[in-house]
Amino acid sequence: MTGEQAMKQATETAHYYLVSAVRMIDCEFGEGYAKNNPAVLAAFIQVCAQDYHTAASSGVISGLG
């Protein structure tokens, strides 16, 4: 993977986390909750990224590398 490809993938992943987080948070707490509570949104995205990193680092995800 080139540096440019990695940058593109990173932004696509961040967008996926953002859209998913807003949908899931609003589903749980009501429409607009994510927008009105950016700290909750940020924490959710951070947990997603850390979970993926942990899975990738421990070899749980197959086909990486």
Protein backbone atom coordinates (compact mmCIF):
# COMPACT_ATOMS: atom_id res chain seq x y z
CA MET A 1 0.00 0.00 0.00
CA THR A 2 1.35 3.41 -0.91
CA GLY A 3 1.26 6.41 1.40
CA GLU A 4 -1.42 7.98 -0.77
CA GLN A 5 -3.54 4.84 -0.61
CA ALA A 6 -3.13 4.72 3.17
CA MET A 7 -4.29 8.35 3.47
CA LYS A 8 -7.35 7.64 1.30
CA GLN A 9 -8.19 4.53 3.30
CA ALA A 10 -7.80 6.42 6.58
CA THR A 11 -10.27 9.13 5.55
CA GLU A 12 -12.74 6.54 4.28
CA THR A 13 -12.47 4.64 7.56
CA ALA A 14 -12.96 7.83 9.59
CA HIS A 15 -16.04 8.68 7.50
CA TYR A 16 -17.45 5.20 8.01
CA TYR A 17 -16.93 5.47 11.78
CA LEU A 18 -18.52 8.94 11.84
CA VAL A 19 -21.63 7.96 9.87
CA SER A 20 -22.06 4.74 11.82
CA ALA A 21 -21.56 6.49 15.16
CA VAL A 22 -24.14 9.19 14.42
CA ARG A 23 -26.68 6.58 13.28
CA MET A 24 -26.13 4.32 16.29
CA ILE A 25 -26.01 7.09 18.90
CA ASP A 26 -29.14 8.76 17.54
CA CYS A 27 -30.90 5.39 17.41
CA GLU A 28 -30.06 4.82 21.07
CA PHE A 29 -30.64 8.31 22.50
CA GLY A 30 -32.86 10.09 19.98
CA GLU A 31 -32.47 12.07 16.76
CA GLY A 32 -29.84 14.80 17.00
CA TYR A 33 -28.18 13.49 20.15
CA ALA A 34 -24.84 12.85 18.44
CA LYS A 35 -24.81 16.34 16.90
CA ASN A 36 -25.61 17.94 20.25
CA ASN A 37 -23.08 15.84 22.17
CA PRO A 38 -19.79 15.88 20.24
CA ALA A 39 -17.86 14.40 23.17
CA VAL A 40 -20.02 11.27 23.02
CA LEU A 41 -19.51 11.09 19.26
CA ALA A 42 -15.74 11.50 19.61
CA ALA A 43 -15.54 8.85 22.33
CA PHE A 44 -17.54 6.41 20.22
CA ILE A 45 -15.23 6.89 17.24
CA GLN A 46 -12.17 6.54 19.46
CA VAL A 47 -13.47 3.22 20.82
CA CYS A 48 -14.11 1.96 17.28
CA ALA A 49 -10.57 2.83 16.19
CA GLN A 50 -9.00 1.29 19.29
CA ASP A 51 -11.05 -1.88 18.92
CA TYR A 52 -9.92 -2.27 15.31
CA HIS A 53 -6.30 -1.57 16.26
CA THR A 54 -6.42 -4.18 19.02
CA ALA A 55 -7.96 -6.80 16.73
CA ALA A 56 -5.46 -6.07 13.94
CA SER A 57 -2.46 -6.03 16.28
CA SER A 58 -3.39 -9.30 17.95
CA GLY A 59 -3.91 -11.14 14.68
CA VAL A 60 -7.64 -11.66 15.20
CA ILE A 61 -8.36 -10.22 11.74
CA SER A 62 -7.26 -12.57 8.98
CA GLY A 63 -5.85 -11.43 5.67
CA LEU A 64 -3.93 -8.40 6.94
CA GLY A 65 -0.37 -7.85 5.89
